[in-house]
């Protein structure tokens, strides 16, 4: 592969992009689109295109966020991560800014093709991404919350497909979950973040128990979602416990990687609650793709 092309791909974090698609698919399921999917023949023609547009919108916005993150961090990365595309010289600072801007605009455009509500959520998401990349990540409290809000808005982007926000409150689960991962990531360079790991583990538990309680009290499809939630718990807690027992940068990075990729399983769990088990399996198919790409490209 051409080194420059590989540099641009590395900037966009390909392994993370399926997780953005999973967010939107979960949001679409929460909106109720997949209920009666085989009954309404118009669904295939009227909805599939909108779903694809929202998926691509989410993927482009996510890619823009990680590209612009490296753009804003290029001076710090010269010291802490000199192997990254910008400090290594594969991609210039100016080219990275242009690349990120193009991806951001494409993401917003695709959402507006679905509808005004989707477009406005995409704009809000884009602004939240820029806020995090430029300022938010430097704050110990606001940074994780800001990053979590970005993921919550990503889920909300999928919910907008029917312009019905009756279930918008499920936005809180990716907010808490990604805030936890962001806290853990504070130890990627130096380790020594056991307190953050404990707090993150508590947030993980709140997310899982919160979903169980809300599904049970709302009469949703809890029984079929349980296997997905159990898989999710296994995937995130195993590396987290290892990172706590041996608090090295290597183990912290593995916990962060597992957390980022496992949001696909969290999204599948949410989707099953509002639809059918097979919808969760479709979303879960993104997991091996993300794992495969993580062996070729860095996740963090």
Protein backbone atom coordinates (compact mmCIF):
# COMPACT_ATOMS: atom_id res chain seq x y z
CA UNK A 1 0.00 0.00 0.00
CA UNK A 2 1.19 3.52 -0.79
CA UNK A 3 2.69 4.95 2.43
CA UNK A 4 0.85 8.29 2.10
CA UNK A 5 -2.50 6.55 1.52
CA UNK A 6 -1.81 4.35 4.53
CA UNK A 7 -1.05 7.50 6.52
CA UNK A 8 -4.47 8.95 5.72
CA UNK A 9 -6.13 5.64 6.59
CA UNK A 10 -4.28 5.52 9.89
CA UNK A 11 -5.52 9.04 10.65
CA UNK A 12 -9.12 7.91 10.16
CA UNK A 13 -8.80 4.89 12.54
CA UNK A 14 -10.55 2.31 10.29
CA UNK A 15 -10.98 -0.17 13.17
CA UNK A 16 -13.15 2.36 15.03
CA UNK A 17 -15.45 3.21 12.13
CA UNK A 18 -17.69 0.10 12.40
CA UNK A 19 -18.49 1.22 15.95
CA UNK A 20 -19.95 4.46 14.57
CA UNK A 21 -22.12 2.45 12.16
CA UNK A 22 -23.28 0.29 15.09
CA UNK A 23 -24.37 3.41 17.02
CA UNK A 24 -26.62 4.50 14.18
CA UNK A 25 -28.08 1.03 13.63
CA UNK A 26 -28.89 0.83 17.34
CA UNK A 27 -30.55 4.25 17.14
CA UNK A 28 -32.57 3.13 14.12
CA UNK A 29 -33.71 0.06 16.09
CA UNK A 30 -34.65 2.24 19.08
CA UNK A 31 -36.76 4.40 16.74
CA UNK A 32 -38.87 1.33 15.93
CA UNK A 33 -37.95 0.97 12.26
CA UNK A 34 -37.17 -2.74 12.50
CA UNK A 35 -40.53 -3.64 14.06
CA UNK A 36 -42.69 -5.19 11.36
CA UNK A 37 -39.87 -4.95 8.86
CA UNK A 38 -41.30 -7.79 6.78
CA UNK A 39 -44.85 -6.46 6.88
CA UNK A 40 -44.48 -3.06 5.26
CA UNK A 41 -43.18 -3.55 1.73
CA UNK A 42 -42.46 0.16 1.44
CA UNK A 43 -39.78 -0.22 4.12
CA UNK A 44 -37.22 -1.62 1.71
CA UNK A 45 -37.47 1.32 -0.67
CA UNK A 46 -38.17 4.18 1.73
CA UNK A 47 -36.00 3.26 4.72
CA UNK A 48 -32.95 1.37 3.49
CA UNK A 49 -31.53 4.39 1.70
CA UNK A 50 -32.04 6.62 4.75
CA UNK A 51 -30.38 4.04 7.01
CA UNK A 52 -27.37 3.84 4.67
CA UNK A 53 -27.12 7.65 4.52
CA UNK A 54 -27.15 7.91 8.31
CA UNK A 55 -24.56 5.14 8.64
CA UNK A 56 -22.23 6.90 6.20
CA UNK A 57 -22.90 10.23 7.90
CA UNK A 58 -21.89 8.75 11.25
CA UNK A 59 -18.79 7.06 9.85
CA UNK A 60 -17.60 10.26 8.15
CA UNK A 61 -18.23 12.36 11.25
CA UNK A 62 -16.33 9.87 13.42
CA UNK A 63 -13.46 9.77 10.95
CA UNK A 64 -13.41 13.57 10.91
CA UNK A 65 -13.22 13.60 14.69
CA UNK A 66 -10.16 11.35 14.96
CA UNK A 67 -8.39 13.07 12.05
CA UNK A 68 -8.92 16.50 13.60
CA UNK A 69 -7.91 15.11 16.99
CA UNK A 70 -4.50 14.28 15.54
CA UNK A 71 -4.41 17.69 13.85
CA UNK A 72 -4.90 19.51 17.16
CA UNK A 73 -2.47 17.16 18.95
CA UNK A 74 0.33 17.16 16.36
CA UNK A 75 2.78 19.08 18.57
CA UNK A 76 2.19 16.85 21.60
CA UNK A 77 2.40 13.74 19.42
CA UNK A 78 5.92 14.68 18.37
CA UNK A 79 6.92 13.75 21.91
CA UNK A 80 4.40 11.12 23.01
CA UNK A 81 3.42 9.40 19.73
CA UNK A 82 6.04 10.25 17.07
CA UNK A 83 4.97 7.23 14.99
CA UNK A 84 1.60 8.80 14.12
CA UNK A 85 1.09 10.04 10.53
CA UNK A 86 1.44 13.78 11.18
CA UNK A 87 4.54 13.87 13.44
CA UNK A 88 6.20 11.17 11.33
CA UNK A 89 5.79 13.36 8.24
CA UNK A 90 3.52 11.04 6.24
CA UNK A 91 0.70 13.61 6.28
CA UNK A 92 1.22 17.36 6.60
CA UNK A 93 -0.62 19.39 9.22
CA UNK A 94 -2.45 21.36 6.52
CA UNK A 95 -3.48 18.23 4.62
CA UNK A 96 -4.82 16.66 7.81
CA UNK A 97 -6.94 19.76 8.50
CA UNK A 98 -8.36 19.72 4.96
CA UNK A 99 -9.00 15.97 5.12
CA UNK A 100 -10.84 16.30 8.43
CA UNK A 101 -12.89 19.24 7.15
CA UNK A 102 -13.99 17.34 4.03
CA UNK A 103 -15.04 14.32 6.11
CA UNK A 104 -16.98 16.55 8.52
CA UNK A 105 -18.88 18.29 5.73
CA UNK A 106 -19.72 15.01 4.01
CA UNK A 107 -21.07 13.63 7.27
CA UNK A 108 -23.37 16.63 7.77
CA UNK A 109 -24.48 16.60 4.11
CA UNK A 110 -25.51 12.94 4.20
CA UNK A 111 -27.64 13.57 7.30
CA UNK A 112 -29.46 16.49 5.68
CA UNK A 113 -30.31 14.20 2.76
CA UNK A 114 -32.34 12.17 5.28
CA UNK A 115 -34.07 15.16 6.83
CA UNK A 116 -33.68 18.49 8.58
CA UNK A 117 -33.84 16.96 12.07
CA UNK A 118 -31.08 14.49 11.21
CA UNK A 119 -29.02 17.30 9.71
CA UNK A 120 -29.34 19.47 12.81
CA UNK A 121 -28.27 16.58 15.05
CA UNK A 122 -25.29 16.01 12.74
CA UNK A 123 -24.31 19.69 13.02
CA UNK A 124 -24.58 19.49 16.82
CA UNK A 125 -22.46 16.34 16.75
CA UNK A 126 -19.87 18.01 14.53
CA UNK A 127 -19.64 20.99 16.90
CA UNK A 128 -19.30 18.66 19.89
CA UNK A 129 -16.49 16.81 18.10
CA UNK A 130 -14.65 20.06 17.40
CA UNK A 131 -15.14 21.20 20.99
CA UNK A 132 -13.62 17.97 22.28
CA UNK A 133 -10.71 17.93 19.85
CA UNK A 134 -9.77 21.57 20.44
CA UNK A 135 -10.54 22.04 24.14
CA UNK A 136 -12.57 19.35 25.89
CA UNK A 137 -9.97 16.59 26.02
CA UNK A 138 -7.67 18.77 28.12
CA UNK A 139 -10.18 18.91 31.02
CA UNK A 140 -10.31 16.05 33.52
CA UNK A 141 -14.11 16.23 34.03
CA UNK A 142 -15.49 17.99 30.98
CA UNK A 143 -13.37 15.97 28.53
CA UNK A 144 -14.84 12.50 29.23
CA UNK A 145 -18.34 14.00 29.41
CA UNK A 146 -17.81 15.82 26.09
CA UNK A 147 -16.62 12.63 24.41
CA UNK A 148 -19.56 10.71 25.84
CA UNK A 149 -22.00 13.32 24.49
CA UNK A 150 -20.48 12.83 21.03
CA UNK A 151 -21.35 9.12 21.19
CA UNK A 152 -24.78 9.85 22.59
CA UNK A 153 -25.48 12.20 19.68
CA UNK A 154 -24.31 9.47 17.33
CA UNK A 155 -26.98 7.15 18.73
CA UNK A 156 -29.49 10.01 18.53
CA UNK A 157 -28.60 10.44 14.86
CA UNK A 158 -30.02 6.98 14.20
CA UNK A 159 -33.13 7.70 16.28
CA UNK A 160 -33.91 10.74 14.08
CA UNK A 161 -34.77 8.52 11.12
CA UNK A 162 -38.46 8.74 12.08
CA UNK A 163 -38.18 12.18 13.73
CA UNK A 164 -39.59 10.64 16.92
CA UNK A 165 -37.65 11.44 20.08
CA UNK A 166 -39.80 9.51 22.55
CA UNK A 167 -36.86 7.21 23.34
CA UNK A 168 -34.13 9.84 23.24
CA UNK A 169 -33.30 9.15 26.90
CA UNK A 170 -31.30 6.05 25.92
CA UNK A 171 -28.76 8.62 24.77
CA UNK A 172 -27.42 8.47 28.35
CA UNK A 173 -25.95 4.96 28.04
CA UNK A 174 -23.27 5.71 25.41
CA UNK A 175 -22.56 8.99 27.23
CA UNK A 176 -21.68 7.17 30.46
CA UNK A 177 -19.92 4.31 28.71
CA UNK A 178 -17.65 6.42 26.51
CA UNK A 179 -16.94 8.78 29.42
CA UNK A 180 -15.65 5.70 31.26
CA UNK A 181 -13.39 4.68 28.37
CA UNK A 182 -12.07 8.23 28.09
CA UNK A 183 -11.15 8.14 31.78
CA UNK A 184 -9.29 4.86 31.30
CA UNK A 185 -7.40 6.28 28.32
CA UNK A 186 -5.74 8.83 30.61
CA UNK A 187 -3.24 6.10 31.48
CA UNK A 188 -2.29 5.05 27.95
CA UNK A 189 1.05 6.85 28.00
CA UNK A 190 2.19 6.52 31.62
CA UNK A 191 -0.18 4.03 33.29
CA UNK A 192 -0.81 4.77 36.99
CA UNK A 193 -4.58 5.37 36.69
CA UNK A 194 -6.13 2.84 39.08
CA UNK A 195 -8.61 5.37 40.46
CA UNK A 196 -9.89 6.10 36.96
CA UNK A 197 -10.20 2.36 36.30
CA UNK A 198 -12.29 1.86 39.46
CA UNK A 199 -14.59 4.73 38.50
CA UNK A 200 -14.82 3.44 34.92
CA UNK A 201 -15.77 -0.02 36.20
CA UNK A 202 -18.56 1.56 38.25
CA UNK A 203 -19.84 3.38 35.15
CA UNK A 204 -19.74 0.13 33.15
CA UNK A 205 -21.86 -1.52 35.86
CA UNK A 206 -24.33 1.38 35.92
CA UNK A 207 -24.77 1.11 32.15
CA UNK A 208 -25.46 -2.63 32.23
CA UNK A 209 -27.79 -2.52 35.24
CA UNK A 210 -29.52 0.57 33.87
CA UNK A 211 -30.34 -1.18 30.61
CA UNK A 212 -31.64 -4.26 32.44
CA UNK A 213 -33.87 -2.18 34.73
CA UNK A 214 -35.25 0.01 31.95
CA UNK A 215 -35.91 -2.91 29.64
CA UNK A 216 -37.66 -4.82 32.45
CA UNK A 217 -39.81 -1.88 33.59
CA UNK A 218 -40.68 -0.75 30.06
CA UNK A 219 -41.78 -4.16 28.82
CA UNK A 220 -39.02 -4.35 26.23
CA UNK A 221 -37.25 -7.43 24.91
CA UNK A 222 -35.05 -8.07 27.95
CA UNK A 223 -34.80 -11.86 27.65
CA UNK A 224 -33.24 -11.85 24.17
CA UNK A 225 -30.93 -8.96 25.06
CA UNK A 226 -29.40 -10.76 28.09
CA UNK A 227 -26.91 -12.90 26.07
CA UNK A 228 -25.69 -9.74 24.32
CA UNK A 229 -25.29 -7.92 27.65
CA UNK A 230 -23.38 -10.86 29.13
CA UNK A 231 -21.02 -10.90 26.15
CA UNK A 232 -20.57 -7.16 26.51
CA UNK A 233 -19.75 -7.47 30.22
CA UNK A 234 -17.18 -10.20 29.54
CA UNK A 235 -15.45 -8.22 26.79
CA UNK A 236 -15.09 -4.99 28.77
CA UNK A 237 -14.48 -6.21 32.33
CA UNK A 238 -11.82 -8.81 31.55
CA UNK A 239 -9.21 -6.35 30.17
CA UNK A 240 -10.28 -3.74 32.72
CA UNK A 241 -9.48 -6.06 35.64
CA UNK A 242 -6.14 -6.91 34.07
CA UNK A 243 -5.34 -3.22 33.65
CA UNK A 244 -6.14 -2.69 37.31
CA UNK A 245 -4.05 -5.60 38.59
CA UNK A 246 -1.09 -4.69 36.38
CA UNK A 247 -1.45 -0.97 35.79
CA UNK A 248 0.92 -0.62 32.85
CA UNK A 249 0.41 1.52 29.71
CA UNK A 250 0.21 -1.69 27.65
CA UNK A 251 -2.67 -3.12 29.67
CA UNK A 252 -4.44 0.23 29.88
CA UNK A 253 -4.25 0.52 26.09
CA UNK A 254 -5.72 -2.98 25.72
CA UNK A 255 -8.60 -2.03 28.05
CA UNK A 256 -9.26 1.10 25.98
CA UNK A 257 -9.17 -0.87 22.72
CA UNK A 258 -11.57 -3.46 24.11
CA UNK A 259 -13.86 -0.72 25.35
CA UNK A 260 -13.97 1.10 22.03
CA UNK A 261 -14.62 -2.01 19.95
CA UNK A 262 -17.12 -3.46 22.42
CA UNK A 263 -19.51 -0.55 21.97
CA UNK A 264 -20.70 -2.63 19.00
CA UNK A 265 -21.95 -5.25 21.47
CA UNK A 266 -23.55 -2.57 23.66
CA UNK A 267 -25.32 -1.20 20.58
CA UNK A 268 -26.47 -4.72 19.66
CA UNK A 269 -27.89 -5.14 23.17
CA UNK A 270 -29.86 -1.90 22.90
CA UNK A 271 -31.11 -2.80 19.43
CA UNK A 272 -32.41 -6.21 20.52
CA UNK A 273 -34.41 -4.61 23.32
CA UNK A 274 -36.37 -2.55 20.80
CA UNK A 275 -36.57 -5.06 17.96
CA UNK A 276 -35.53 -8.69 17.42
CA UNK A 277 -32.53 -10.90 18.23
CA UNK A 278 -31.55 -11.04 14.55
CA UNK A 279 -31.11 -7.25 14.46
CA UNK A 280 -28.58 -7.60 17.25
CA UNK A 281 -26.77 -10.32 15.32
CA UNK A 282 -26.56 -8.09 12.23
CA UNK A 283 -24.96 -5.34 14.32
CA UNK A 284 -22.71 -7.91 15.99
CA UNK A 285 -21.28 -8.81 12.57
CA UNK A 286 -19.47 -5.47 12.72
CA UNK A 287 -17.40 -6.78 15.67
CA UNK A 288 -15.15 -9.21 13.74
CA UNK A 289 -14.66 -6.51 11.08
CA UNK A 290 -13.53 -4.05 13.74
CA UNK A 291 -11.26 -6.65 15.39
CA UNK A 292 -9.70 -7.51 12.01
CA UNK A 293 -9.05 -3.84 11.20
CA UNK A 294 -7.59 -3.31 14.69
CA UNK A 295 -4.80 -5.73 13.76
CA UNK A 296 -3.93 -3.53 10.77
CA UNK A 297 -4.55 -0.05 12.20
CA UNK A 298 -4.28 1.46 15.66
CA UNK A 299 -7.52 1.93 17.61
CA UNK A 300 -6.23 4.75 19.83
